[in-house]
């Protein structure tokens, strides 16, 4: 679908807050397929109150049709580091198959580039292979693996260079991903809880600092 034929609008924090009810409802419907498969993603359980917390410091772009919000891409820019962290991409299930995600990714990437951002980061569940494939389709490279609390999956961490000088090779991306995946699975369970080695690592790194601060 041609971007020029879509009604894509920029969303500042005020707009995101003002339309919290619509955005939270969109998230629940868009991520229902993951909830049905037992994949515990935050947007599956979105409420207007949670949305307002997610949207703090964020910008986005949304697609509307007849005043109905049918897609949203949300990110939090770091103006000092000139990077942006993707918070979520949600597409109304009734509009899937129209390549709205790809069109929105192209438009949003261009907006971030125009803002002076150099790198875009995002992530998704390893248990959502079609979403992993989607992020790769518009140029993201898998560079790491993470594990967050209140989930039940490992996350694939993606990196998209918005400017050519920040691009990394496919070989470098693969090296980063494999190293990160090994360390992540060694330290953490899928739900973000620490394995034994992760607990020992935490104790060795942070407990001495806490004792030092207490005695200081």
C-alpha atoms as a PDB file:
ATOM      1  CA  UNK A   1       0.000   0.000   0.000  1.00  0.00           C
ATOM      2  CA  UNK A   2       1.320   3.447  -0.965  1.00  0.00           C
ATOM      3  CA  UNK A   3       2.169   5.667   2.033  1.00  0.00           C
ATOM      4  CA  UNK A   4       0.843   8.709   0.196  1.00  0.00           C
ATOM      5  CA  UNK A   5      -2.638   7.155   0.115  1.00  0.00           C
ATOM      6  CA  UNK A   6      -2.747   6.574   3.871  1.00  0.00           C
ATOM      7  CA  UNK A   7      -3.918   9.025   6.485  1.00  0.00           C
ATOM      8  CA  UNK A   8      -0.798   8.966   8.685  1.00  0.00           C
ATOM      9  CA  UNK A   9      -0.563  11.564  11.417  1.00  0.00           C
ATOM     10  CA  UNK A  10       2.114  12.429  13.951  1.00  0.00           C
ATOM     11  CA  UNK A  11       1.215  11.830  17.591  1.00  0.00           C
ATOM     12  CA  UNK A  12       2.802  13.910  20.329  1.00  0.00           C
ATOM     13  CA  UNK A  13       2.480  13.015  23.998  1.00  0.00           C
ATOM     14  CA  UNK A  14      -0.623  15.180  24.431  1.00  0.00           C
ATOM     15  CA  UNK A  15      -2.428  13.397  21.591  1.00  0.00           C
ATOM     16  CA  UNK A  16      -1.407   9.998  22.953  1.00  0.00           C
ATOM     17  CA  UNK A  17      -2.840  10.891  26.357  1.00  0.00           C
ATOM     18  CA  UNK A  18      -6.001  12.433  24.958  1.00  0.00           C
ATOM     19  CA  UNK A  19      -6.835   9.272  23.012  1.00  0.00           C
ATOM     20  CA  UNK A  20      -5.778   6.773  25.694  1.00  0.00           C
ATOM     21  CA  UNK A  21      -9.103   4.904  25.540  1.00  0.00           C
ATOM     22  CA  UNK A  22      -8.832   4.318  21.795  1.00  0.00           C
ATOM     23  CA  UNK A  23      -5.167   3.354  21.869  1.00  0.00           C
ATOM     24  CA  UNK A  24      -5.552   0.925  24.773  1.00  0.00           C
ATOM     25  CA  UNK A  25      -8.532  -0.746  23.075  1.00  0.00           C
ATOM     26  CA  UNK A  26      -6.516  -1.057  19.860  1.00  0.00           C
ATOM     27  CA  UNK A  27      -3.665  -2.726  21.767  1.00  0.00           C
ATOM     28  CA  UNK A  28      -5.916  -5.320  23.386  1.00  0.00           C
ATOM     29  CA  UNK A  29      -7.503  -6.247  20.057  1.00  0.00           C
ATOM     30  CA  UNK A  30      -4.232  -6.200  18.125  1.00  0.00           C
ATOM     31  CA  UNK A  31      -2.440  -8.453  20.619  1.00  0.00           C
ATOM     32  CA  UNK A  32      -5.370 -10.793  21.294  1.00  0.00           C
ATOM     33  CA  UNK A  33      -3.832 -13.461  19.061  1.00  0.00           C
ATOM     34  CA  UNK A  34      -0.772 -13.590  21.318  1.00  0.00           C
ATOM     35  CA  UNK A  35      -2.909 -13.791  24.459  1.00  0.00           C
ATOM     36  CA  UNK A  36      -4.848 -16.694  22.928  1.00  0.00           C
ATOM     37  CA  UNK A  37      -1.568 -18.557  22.433  1.00  0.00           C
ATOM     38  CA  UNK A  38      -0.557 -17.879  26.026  1.00  0.00           C
ATOM     39  CA  UNK A  39       2.169 -15.357  25.181  1.00  0.00           C
ATOM     40  CA  UNK A  40       2.112 -12.782  27.983  1.00  0.00           C
ATOM     41  CA  UNK A  41       2.792  -9.469  26.241  1.00  0.00           C
ATOM     42  CA  UNK A  42       2.113  -6.218  28.070  1.00  0.00           C
ATOM     43  CA  UNK A  43      -0.171  -4.763  25.374  1.00  0.00           C
ATOM     44  CA  UNK A  44      -2.480  -7.794  25.740  1.00  0.00           C
ATOM     45  CA  UNK A  45      -3.600  -6.346  29.066  1.00  0.00           C
ATOM     46  CA  UNK A  46      -3.489  -2.645  28.221  1.00  0.00           C
ATOM     47  CA  UNK A  47      -5.837  -0.237  29.970  1.00  0.00           C
ATOM     48  CA  UNK A  48      -6.165   3.537  29.534  1.00  0.00           C
ATOM     49  CA  UNK A  49      -4.292   3.993  32.810  1.00  0.00           C
ATOM     50  CA  UNK A  50      -1.422   1.746  31.696  1.00  0.00           C
ATOM     51  CA  UNK A  51      -1.352   3.445  28.308  1.00  0.00           C
ATOM     52  CA  UNK A  52      -0.844   6.834  29.918  1.00  0.00           C
ATOM     53  CA  UNK A  53       2.194   5.448  31.751  1.00  0.00           C
ATOM     54  CA  UNK A  54       3.565   3.852  28.574  1.00  0.00           C
ATOM     55  CA  UNK A  55       3.109   7.055  26.614  1.00  0.00           C
ATOM     56  CA  UNK A  56       5.076   9.339  28.933  1.00  0.00           C
ATOM     57  CA  UNK A  57       7.941  10.861  26.955  1.00  0.00           C
ATOM     58  CA  UNK A  58       6.832   9.127  23.772  1.00  0.00           C
ATOM     59  CA  UNK A  59       5.991  10.160  20.256  1.00  0.00           C
ATOM     60  CA  UNK A  60       4.324   8.138  17.562  1.00  0.00           C
ATOM     61  CA  UNK A  61       2.525   7.934  14.282  1.00  0.00           C
ATOM     62  CA  UNK A  62      -0.907   6.503  13.767  1.00  0.00           C
ATOM     63  CA  UNK A  63      -3.065   5.639  10.786  1.00  0.00           C
ATOM     64  CA  UNK A  64      -6.706   6.649  10.842  1.00  0.00           C
ATOM     65  CA  UNK A  65      -9.615   5.783   8.614  1.00  0.00           C
ATOM     66  CA  UNK A  66     -12.880   7.683   8.952  1.00  0.00           C
ATOM     67  CA  UNK A  67     -11.670   9.093  12.291  1.00  0.00           C
ATOM     68  CA  UNK A  68     -10.956   5.584  13.596  1.00  0.00           C
ATOM     69  CA  UNK A  69      -7.416   4.780  14.773  1.00  0.00           C
ATOM     70  CA  UNK A  70      -6.416   1.554  13.030  1.00  0.00           C
ATOM     71  CA  UNK A  71      -2.658   1.442  13.629  1.00  0.00           C
ATOM     72  CA  UNK A  72      -0.081   2.993  15.954  1.00  0.00           C
ATOM     73  CA  UNK A  73       3.681   2.949  16.269  1.00  0.00           C
ATOM     74  CA  UNK A  74       4.951   4.282  19.583  1.00  0.00           C
ATOM     75  CA  UNK A  75       8.561   5.111  20.477  1.00  0.00           C
ATOM     76  CA  UNK A  76      10.503   6.962  23.148  1.00  0.00           C
ATOM     77  CA  UNK A  77      13.267   9.163  21.713  1.00  0.00           C
ATOM     78  CA  UNK A  78      16.502   9.860  23.567  1.00  0.00           C
ATOM     79  CA  UNK A  79      17.521  13.238  22.210  1.00  0.00           C
ATOM     80  CA  UNK A  80      20.911  13.171  23.946  1.00  0.00           C
ATOM     81  CA  UNK A  81      21.972   9.806  22.515  1.00  0.00           C
ATOM     82  CA  UNK A  82      20.029  10.375  19.285  1.00  0.00           C
ATOM     83  CA  UNK A  83      18.360   6.979  19.556  1.00  0.00           C
ATOM     84  CA  UNK A  84      14.730   5.885  19.823  1.00  0.00           C
ATOM     85  CA  UNK A  85      13.283   2.862  21.601  1.00  0.00           C
ATOM     86  CA  UNK A  86      10.207   1.302  20.069  1.00  0.00           C
ATOM     87  CA  UNK A  87       7.440   0.772  22.596  1.00  0.00           C
ATOM     88  CA  UNK A  88       4.887  -1.018  20.453  1.00  0.00           C
ATOM     89  CA  UNK A  89       3.363  -1.468  17.037  1.00  0.00           C
ATOM     90  CA  UNK A  90      -0.345  -2.313  16.975  1.00  0.00           C
ATOM     91  CA  UNK A  91      -2.552  -2.950  13.947  1.00  0.00           C
ATOM     92  CA  UNK A  92      -6.331  -3.318  14.105  1.00  0.00           C
ATOM     93  CA  UNK A  93      -7.008  -7.028  13.311  1.00  0.00           C
ATOM     94  CA  UNK A  94      -9.732  -5.992  10.854  1.00  0.00           C
ATOM     95  CA  UNK A  95      -7.111  -4.211   8.749  1.00  0.00           C
ATOM     96  CA  UNK A  96      -4.364  -6.823   8.753  1.00  0.00           C
ATOM     97  CA  UNK A  97      -3.162  -7.941   5.360  1.00  0.00           C
ATOM     98  CA  UNK A  98      -3.081  -4.386   4.017  1.00  0.00           C
ATOM     99  CA  UNK A  99       0.630  -3.918   4.836  1.00  0.00           C
ATOM    100  CA  UNK A 100      -0.116  -1.097   7.254  1.00  0.00           C
ATOM    101  CA  UNK A 101       2.770  -2.158   9.494  1.00  0.00           C
ATOM    102  CA  UNK A 102       5.304  -1.917   6.692  1.00  0.00           C
ATOM    103  CA  UNK A 103       3.928   1.419   5.495  1.00  0.00           C
ATOM    104  CA  UNK A 104       3.972   2.798   9.036  1.00  0.00           C
ATOM    105  CA  UNK A 105       7.512   1.528   9.657  1.00  0.00           C
ATOM    106  CA  UNK A 106       8.738   3.333   6.549  1.00  0.00           C
ATOM    107  CA  UNK A 107       6.981   6.559   7.491  1.00  0.00           C
ATOM    108  CA  UNK A 108       8.036   6.454  11.142  1.00  0.00           C
ATOM    109  CA  UNK A 109      11.656   5.641  10.279  1.00  0.00           C
ATOM    110  CA  UNK A 110      11.723   8.676   8.026  1.00  0.00           C
ATOM    111  CA  UNK A 111      10.264  10.860  10.798  1.00  0.00           C
ATOM    112  CA  UNK A 112      12.885   9.674  13.301  1.00  0.00           C
ATOM    113  CA  UNK A 113      15.619  10.294  10.757  1.00  0.00           C
ATOM    114  CA  UNK A 114      14.333  13.815  10.144  1.00  0.00           C
ATOM    115  CA  UNK A 115      14.394  14.375  13.920  1.00  0.00           C
ATOM    116  CA  UNK A 116      18.106  13.593  13.958  1.00  0.00           C
ATOM    117  CA  UNK A 117      17.830  10.110  15.424  1.00  0.00           C
ATOM    118  CA  UNK A 118      20.613   7.753  14.349  1.00  0.00           C
ATOM    119  CA  UNK A 119      19.490   4.354  15.628  1.00  0.00           C
ATOM    120  CA  UNK A 120      16.102   2.786  16.379  1.00  0.00           C
ATOM    121  CA  UNK A 121      15.821  -0.096  18.861  1.00  0.00           C
ATOM    122  CA  UNK A 122      12.865  -2.401  19.367  1.00  0.00           C
ATOM    123  CA  UNK A 123      12.132  -5.958  20.481  1.00  0.00           C
ATOM    124  CA  UNK A 124       9.548  -8.710  20.248  1.00  0.00           C
ATOM    125  CA  UNK A 125       8.896 -12.166  21.602  1.00  0.00           C
ATOM    126  CA  UNK A 126      10.896 -15.088  20.276  1.00  0.00           C
ATOM    127  CA  UNK A 127       7.533 -16.906  20.371  1.00  0.00           C
ATOM    128  CA  UNK A 128       6.156 -14.554  17.700  1.00  0.00           C
ATOM    129  CA  UNK A 129       8.215 -15.603  14.641  1.00  0.00           C
ATOM    130  CA  UNK A 130       5.976 -13.712  12.218  1.00  0.00           C
ATOM    131  CA  UNK A 131       6.678 -10.475  14.123  1.00  0.00           C
ATOM    132  CA  UNK A 132      10.402 -11.259  14.151  1.00  0.00           C
ATOM    133  CA  UNK A 133      10.197 -11.710  10.385  1.00  0.00           C
ATOM    134  CA  UNK A 134       8.287  -8.449  10.040  1.00  0.00           C
ATOM    135  CA  UNK A 135      10.922  -6.384  11.843  1.00  0.00           C
ATOM    136  CA  UNK A 136      13.608  -7.860   9.620  1.00  0.00           C
ATOM    137  CA  UNK A 137      11.538  -7.017   6.535  1.00  0.00           C
ATOM    138  CA  UNK A 138      12.029  -3.260   6.926  1.00  0.00           C
ATOM    139  CA  UNK A 139      15.737  -3.446   7.760  1.00  0.00           C
ATOM    140  CA  UNK A 140      16.053  -4.260  11.463  1.00  0.00           C
ATOM    141  CA  UNK A 141      18.858  -6.590  12.489  1.00  0.00           C
ATOM    142  CA  UNK A 142      18.633  -8.961  15.448  1.00  0.00           C
ATOM    143  CA  UNK A 143      21.509  -8.010  17.754  1.00  0.00           C
ATOM    144  CA  UNK A 144      20.567  -9.424  21.131  1.00  0.00           C
ATOM    145  CA  UNK A 145      18.234 -11.286  23.447  1.00  0.00           C
ATOM    146  CA  UNK A 146      16.535 -10.127  26.630  1.00  0.00           C
ATOM    147  CA  UNK A 147      14.200 -11.454  29.303  1.00  0.00           C
ATOM    148  CA  UNK A 148      11.745  -9.185  31.082  1.00  0.00           C
ATOM    149  CA  UNK A 149       9.662  -9.662  34.204  1.00  0.00           C
ATOM    150  CA  UNK A 150       5.895 -10.241  33.822  1.00  0.00           C
ATOM    151  CA  UNK A 151       6.447 -12.106  30.538  1.00  0.00           C
ATOM    152  CA  UNK A 152       6.915 -15.758  29.627  1.00  0.00           C
ATOM    153  CA  UNK A 153       9.307 -15.498  26.698  1.00  0.00           C
ATOM    154  CA  UNK A 154      12.743 -14.404  25.623  1.00  0.00           C
ATOM    155  CA  UNK A 155      12.772 -11.230  23.539  1.00  0.00           C
ATOM    156  CA  UNK A 156      14.703 -10.659  20.328  1.00  0.00           C
ATOM    157  CA  UNK A 157      16.402  -7.255  20.423  1.00  0.00           C
ATOM    158  CA  UNK A 158      16.515  -5.378  17.125  1.00  0.00           C
ATOM    159  CA  UNK A 159      18.598  -2.498  15.825  1.00  0.00           C
ATOM    160  CA  UNK A 160      17.805  -0.309  12.819  1.00  0.00           C
ATOM    161  CA  UNK A 161      20.417   2.164  11.568  1.00  0.00           C
ATOM    162  CA  UNK A 162      18.614   5.320  10.498  1.00  0.00           C
ATOM    163  CA  UNK A 163      21.771   6.754   8.941  1.00  0.00           C
ATOM    164  CA  UNK A 164      24.312   4.795   6.847  1.00  0.00           C
ATOM    165  CA  UNK A 165      27.273   5.631   9.101  1.00  0.00           C
ATOM    166  CA  UNK A 166      25.602   3.788  11.976  1.00  0.00           C
ATOM    167  CA  UNK A 167      25.011   0.598  10.004  1.00  0.00           C
ATOM    168  CA  UNK A 168      26.637  -2.644  11.120  1.00  0.00           C
ATOM    169  CA  UNK A 169      27.335  -5.692   8.977  1.00  0.00           C
ATOM    170  CA  UNK A 170      25.178  -8.788   9.009  1.00  0.00           C
ATOM    171  CA  UNK A 171      28.161 -10.701  10.410  1.00  0.00           C
ATOM    172  CA  UNK A 172      28.577  -8.256  13.298  1.00  0.00           C
ATOM    173  CA  UNK A 173      24.847  -8.386  14.045  1.00  0.00           C
ATOM    174  CA  UNK A 174      24.945 -12.181  14.126  1.00  0.00           C
ATOM    175  CA  UNK A 175      27.953 -12.173  16.470  1.00  0.00           C
ATOM    176  CA  UNK A 176      26.188  -9.778  18.830  1.00  0.00           C
ATOM    177  CA  UNK A 177      22.999 -11.829  18.791  1.00  0.00           C
ATOM    178  CA  UNK A 178      24.675 -15.174  19.459  1.00  0.00           C
ATOM    179  CA  UNK A 179      26.769 -13.805  22.314  1.00  0.00           C
ATOM    180  CA  UNK A 180      23.793 -12.022  23.882  1.00  0.00           C
ATOM    181  CA  UNK A 181      21.538 -15.073  23.500  1.00  0.00           C
ATOM    182  CA  UNK A 182      24.053 -17.327  25.248  1.00  0.00           C
ATOM    183  CA  UNK A 183      24.479 -14.927  28.144  1.00  0.00           C
ATOM    184  CA  UNK A 184      20.751 -14.219  28.462  1.00  0.00           C
ATOM    185  CA  UNK A 185      19.758 -17.885  28.618  1.00  0.00           C
ATOM    186  CA  UNK A 186      22.612 -18.570  31.026  1.00  0.00           C
ATOM    187  CA  UNK A 187      21.510 -15.829  33.412  1.00  0.00           C
ATOM    188  CA  UNK A 188      17.728 -15.630  33.082  1.00  0.00           C
ATOM    189  CA  UNK A 189      14.587 -17.709  32.735  1.00  0.00           C
ATOM    190  CA  UNK A 190      11.925 -16.750  30.212  1.00  0.00           C
ATOM    191  CA  UNK A 191       9.960 -14.822  32.843  1.00  0.00           C
ATOM    192  CA  UNK A 192      12.870 -12.538  33.678  1.00  0.00           C
ATOM    193  CA  UNK A 193      13.751 -14.306  36.916  1.00  0.00           C
ATOM    194  CA  UNK A 194      17.428 -15.004  37.494  1.00  0.00           C
ATOM    195  CA  UNK A 195      18.920 -18.473  37.225  1.00  0.00           C
ATOM    196  CA  UNK A 196      21.526 -19.548  39.783  1.00  0.00           C
ATOM    197  CA  UNK A 197      24.437 -18.069  37.858  1.00  0.00           C
ATOM    198  CA  UNK A 198      22.469 -14.851  37.411  1.00  0.00           C
ATOM    199  CA  UNK A 199      21.815 -14.663  41.151  1.00  0.00           C
ATOM    200  CA  UNK A 200      25.502 -15.248  41.917  1.00  0.00           C
ATOM    201  CA  UNK A 201      26.491 -12.610  39.395  1.00  0.00           C
ATOM    202  CA  UNK A 202      24.072 -10.141  40.969  1.00  0.00           C
ATOM    203  CA  UNK A 203      25.441 -10.873  44.426  1.00  0.00           C
ATOM    204  CA  UNK A 204      29.054 -10.443  43.341  1.00  0.00           C
ATOM    205  CA  UNK A 205      28.375  -7.198  41.510  1.00  0.00           C
ATOM    206  CA  UNK A 206      25.831  -5.359  43.633  1.00  0.00           C
ATOM    207  CA  UNK A 207      25.918  -6.581  47.226  1.00  0.00           C
ATOM    208  CA  UNK A 208      29.471  -5.286  47.848  1.00  0.00           C
ATOM    209  CA  UNK A 209      28.358  -1.888  46.524  1.00  0.00           C
ATOM    210  CA  UNK A 210      25.368  -1.873  48.859  1.00  0.00           C
ATOM    211  CA  UNK A 211      27.558  -2.754  51.849  1.00  0.00           C
ATOM    212  CA  UNK A 212      30.031  -0.034  50.902  1.00  0.00           C
ATOM    213  CA  UNK A 213      27.270   2.562  50.711  1.00  0.00           C
ATOM    214  CA  UNK A 214      25.908   1.470  54.074  1.00  0.00           C
ATOM    215  CA  UNK A 215      29.327   1.787  55.707  1.00  0.00           C
ATOM    216  CA  UNK A 216      30.289   4.996  53.978  1.00  0.00           C
END
